[in-house]
Amino acid sequence: MSVRPTSDQLLKAAELVAGHHPDVAALLRDLAEPTTPPDPVGLRKRVLRRIWRIHLAGMPRTAAARVIAAAWASYEPTEAQPVPGTQAADFDRLSRAGVRPLAWRQIADALDEMLD
């Protein structure tokens, strides 16, 4: 018996949660089709929002965008895997996907879309 969900199960789950949790639905769709590359813009937005919600909770959008931009610009990938759940792991994920660091205003715009 396999505990790993099939692509069909992941797509059905994505449909169920899409109305209330669009970020989770997009993640499930990405997992369901591992042969297709993830949408870099969607990935970037999800990771930036995650950093703001988890690592910079309660910080105003503009200040958070400046902190994220500075941390991302100074991030250097290493051979060692970063600790899961850290900002370094998030930046590593973006780096592996080929997403380049953004200016703080672009990050602020991405975070602002989250508020809509």
C-alpha atoms as a PDB file:
ATOM      1  CA  MET A   1       0.000   0.000   0.000  1.00  0.00           C
ATOM      2  CA  SER A   2       1.377   3.385  -0.998  1.00  0.00           C
ATOM      3  CA  VAL A   3       0.936   6.384   1.266  1.00  0.00           C
ATOM      4  CA  ARG A   4       2.027   8.753  -1.480  1.00  0.00           C
ATOM      5  CA  PRO A   5      -0.975  10.390  -3.180  1.00  0.00           C
ATOM      6  CA  THR A   6      -1.425  10.004  -6.920  1.00  0.00           C
ATOM      7  CA  SER A   7      -1.581  12.930  -9.320  1.00  0.00           C
ATOM      8  CA  ASP A   8      -5.357  12.520  -9.589  1.00  0.00           C
ATOM      9  CA  GLN A   9      -5.750  12.678  -5.813  1.00  0.00           C
ATOM     10  CA  LEU A  10      -3.617  15.813  -5.632  1.00  0.00           C
ATOM     11  CA  LEU A  11      -5.626  17.489  -8.398  1.00  0.00           C
ATOM     12  CA  LYS A  12      -8.914  16.612  -6.656  1.00  0.00           C
ATOM     13  CA  ALA A  13      -7.570  18.020  -3.395  1.00  0.00           C
ATOM     14  CA  ALA A  14      -6.525  21.192  -5.233  1.00  0.00           C
ATOM     15  CA  GLU A  15     -10.080  21.615  -6.526  1.00  0.00           C
ATOM     16  CA  LEU A  16     -11.490  21.194  -3.014  1.00  0.00           C
ATOM     17  CA  VAL A  17      -9.286  23.822  -1.378  1.00  0.00           C
ATOM     18  CA  ALA A  18      -9.032  26.290  -4.283  1.00  0.00           C
ATOM     19  CA  GLY A  19     -11.836  28.552  -3.042  1.00  0.00           C
ATOM     20  CA  HIS A  20     -10.485  29.060   0.458  1.00  0.00           C
ATOM     21  CA  HIS A  21      -6.753  28.461   0.010  1.00  0.00           C
ATOM     22  CA  PRO A  22      -5.578  29.352  -3.526  1.00  0.00           C
ATOM     23  CA  ASP A  23      -1.893  29.172  -2.541  1.00  0.00           C
ATOM     24  CA  VAL A  24      -2.320  25.601  -1.281  1.00  0.00           C
ATOM     25  CA  ALA A  25      -4.251  24.673  -4.424  1.00  0.00           C
ATOM     26  CA  ALA A  26      -1.429  25.995  -6.624  1.00  0.00           C
ATOM     27  CA  LEU A  27       1.111  24.036  -4.602  1.00  0.00           C
ATOM     28  CA  LEU A  28      -0.943  20.832  -4.947  1.00  0.00           C
ATOM     29  CA  ARG A  29      -1.211  21.357  -8.714  1.00  0.00           C
ATOM     30  CA  ASP A  30       2.578  21.808  -8.896  1.00  0.00           C
ATOM     31  CA  LEU A  31       3.053  18.569  -6.954  1.00  0.00           C
ATOM     32  CA  ALA A  32       0.594  16.701  -9.169  1.00  0.00           C
ATOM     33  CA  GLU A  33       2.612  17.433 -12.294  1.00  0.00           C
ATOM     34  CA  PRO A  34       6.274  17.075 -11.298  1.00  0.00           C
ATOM     35  CA  THR A  35       7.423  16.838 -14.920  1.00  0.00           C
ATOM     36  CA  THR A  36       6.317  20.383 -15.688  1.00  0.00           C
ATOM     37  CA  PRO A  37       8.458  23.170 -14.282  1.00  0.00           C
ATOM     38  CA  PRO A  38       6.778  25.272 -11.579  1.00  0.00           C
ATOM     39  CA  ASP A  39       5.473  28.697 -12.511  1.00  0.00           C
ATOM     40  CA  PRO A  40       8.367  30.963 -11.421  1.00  0.00           C
ATOM     41  CA  VAL A  41       6.138  33.983 -10.808  1.00  0.00           C
ATOM     42  CA  GLY A  42       3.671  31.976  -8.741  1.00  0.00           C
ATOM     43  CA  LEU A  43       6.472  30.280  -6.835  1.00  0.00           C
ATOM     44  CA  ARG A  44       8.137  33.625  -6.127  1.00  0.00           C
ATOM     45  CA  LYS A  45       4.895  35.151  -4.834  1.00  0.00           C
ATOM     46  CA  ARG A  46       4.101  32.146  -2.632  1.00  0.00           C
ATOM     47  CA  VAL A  47       7.583  32.070  -1.115  1.00  0.00           C
ATOM     48  CA  LEU A  48       7.684  35.839  -0.503  1.00  0.00           C
ATOM     49  CA  ARG A  49       4.266  35.747   1.166  1.00  0.00           C
ATOM     50  CA  ARG A  50       5.378  32.814   3.299  1.00  0.00           C
ATOM     51  CA  ILE A  51       8.477  34.690   4.452  1.00  0.00           C
ATOM     52  CA  TRP A  52       6.350  37.703   5.380  1.00  0.00           C
ATOM     53  CA  ARG A  53       3.681  35.671   7.193  1.00  0.00           C
ATOM     54  CA  ILE A  54       6.035  33.367   9.090  1.00  0.00           C
ATOM     55  CA  HIS A  55       9.391  35.068   9.561  1.00  0.00           C
ATOM     56  CA  LEU A  56       8.294  38.713   9.624  1.00  0.00           C
ATOM     57  CA  ALA A  57       4.831  38.399  11.152  1.00  0.00           C
ATOM     58  CA  GLY A  58       3.358  41.719  12.210  1.00  0.00           C
ATOM     59  CA  MET A  59       5.902  43.789  10.287  1.00  0.00           C
ATOM     60  CA  PRO A  60       4.452  46.418   7.933  1.00  0.00           C
ATOM     61  CA  ARG A  61       4.543  45.525   4.246  1.00  0.00           C
ATOM     62  CA  THR A  62       7.125  48.124   3.199  1.00  0.00           C
ATOM     63  CA  ALA A  63       9.510  47.330   6.034  1.00  0.00           C
ATOM     64  CA  ALA A  64       9.137  43.600   5.386  1.00  0.00           C
ATOM     65  CA  ALA A  65       9.835  44.126   1.675  1.00  0.00           C
ATOM     66  CA  ARG A  66      13.042  46.007   2.498  1.00  0.00           C
ATOM     67  CA  VAL A  67      14.196  43.308   4.930  1.00  0.00           C
ATOM     68  CA  ILE A  68      13.413  40.526   2.444  1.00  0.00           C
ATOM     69  CA  ALA A  69      15.177  42.369  -0.402  1.00  0.00           C
ATOM     70  CA  ALA A  70      18.325  42.900   1.681  1.00  0.00           C
ATOM     71  CA  ALA A  71      18.385  39.297   2.923  1.00  0.00           C
ATOM     72  CA  TRP A  72      17.704  37.880  -0.543  1.00  0.00           C
ATOM     73  CA  ALA A  73      20.385  40.044  -2.204  1.00  0.00           C
ATOM     74  CA  SER A  74      22.974  38.896   0.326  1.00  0.00           C
ATOM     75  CA  TYR A  75      21.973  35.210   0.149  1.00  0.00           C
ATOM     76  CA  GLU A  76      24.658  32.932  -1.280  1.00  0.00           C
ATOM     77  CA  PRO A  77      23.700  29.308  -2.067  1.00  0.00           C
ATOM     78  CA  THR A  78      25.919  26.687  -0.445  1.00  0.00           C
ATOM     79  CA  GLU A  79      26.548  22.993  -1.011  1.00  0.00           C
ATOM     80  CA  ALA A  80      24.908  22.107   2.309  1.00  0.00           C
ATOM     81  CA  GLN A  81      21.127  21.923   2.429  1.00  0.00           C
ATOM     82  CA  PRO A  82      19.657  24.767   4.515  1.00  0.00           C
ATOM     83  CA  VAL A  83      17.492  23.936   7.504  1.00  0.00           C
ATOM     84  CA  PRO A  84      13.892  23.429   6.301  1.00  0.00           C
ATOM     85  CA  GLY A  85      11.512  26.214   7.273  1.00  0.00           C
ATOM     86  CA  THR A  86      14.172  28.923   7.433  1.00  0.00           C
ATOM     87  CA  GLN A  87      14.519  31.969   5.215  1.00  0.00           C
ATOM     88  CA  ALA A  88      17.679  30.410   3.804  1.00  0.00           C
ATOM     89  CA  ALA A  89      15.634  27.387   2.696  1.00  0.00           C
ATOM     90  CA  ASP A  90      13.113  29.696   1.023  1.00  0.00           C
ATOM     91  CA  PHE A  91      15.837  31.641  -0.785  1.00  0.00           C
ATOM     92  CA  ASP A  92      17.494  28.357  -1.778  1.00  0.00           C
ATOM     93  CA  ARG A  93      14.224  27.148  -3.283  1.00  0.00           C
ATOM     94  CA  LEU A  94      13.913  30.356  -5.308  1.00  0.00           C
ATOM     95  CA  SER A  95      17.542  30.140  -6.378  1.00  0.00           C
ATOM     96  CA  ARG A  96      17.155  26.525  -7.578  1.00  0.00           C
ATOM     97  CA  ALA A  97      14.070  27.572  -9.572  1.00  0.00           C
ATOM     98  CA  GLY A  98      16.129  30.260 -11.314  1.00  0.00           C
ATOM     99  CA  VAL A  99      14.340  33.189  -9.680  1.00  0.00           C
ATOM    100  CA  ARG A 100      16.642  36.177  -9.243  1.00  0.00           C
ATOM    101  CA  PRO A 101      16.477  38.618  -6.303  1.00  0.00           C
ATOM    102  CA  LEU A 102      14.086  41.534  -6.689  1.00  0.00           C
ATOM    103  CA  ALA A 103      14.150  45.152  -5.583  1.00  0.00           C
ATOM    104  CA  TRP A 104      12.192  45.936  -2.442  1.00  0.00           C
ATOM    105  CA  ARG A 105       9.464  47.776  -4.395  1.00  0.00           C
ATOM    106  CA  GLN A 106       8.764  44.709  -6.529  1.00  0.00           C
ATOM    107  CA  ILE A 107       8.627  42.601  -3.378  1.00  0.00           C
ATOM    108  CA  ALA A 108       6.269  45.140  -1.784  1.00  0.00           C
ATOM    109  CA  ASP A 109       3.994  44.877  -4.838  1.00  0.00           C
ATOM    110  CA  ALA A 110       3.943  41.075  -4.531  1.00  0.00           C
ATOM    111  CA  LEU A 111       3.108  41.349  -0.829  1.00  0.00           C
ATOM    112  CA  ASP A 112       0.471  43.984  -1.587  1.00  0.00           C
ATOM    113  CA  GLU A 113      -1.317  41.559  -3.927  1.00  0.00           C
ATOM    114  CA  MET A 114      -1.673  39.278  -0.929  1.00  0.00           C
ATOM    115  CA  LEU A 115      -3.757  41.923   0.837  1.00  0.00           C
ATOM    116  CA  ASP A 116      -6.289  42.235  -2.013  1.00  0.00           C
END
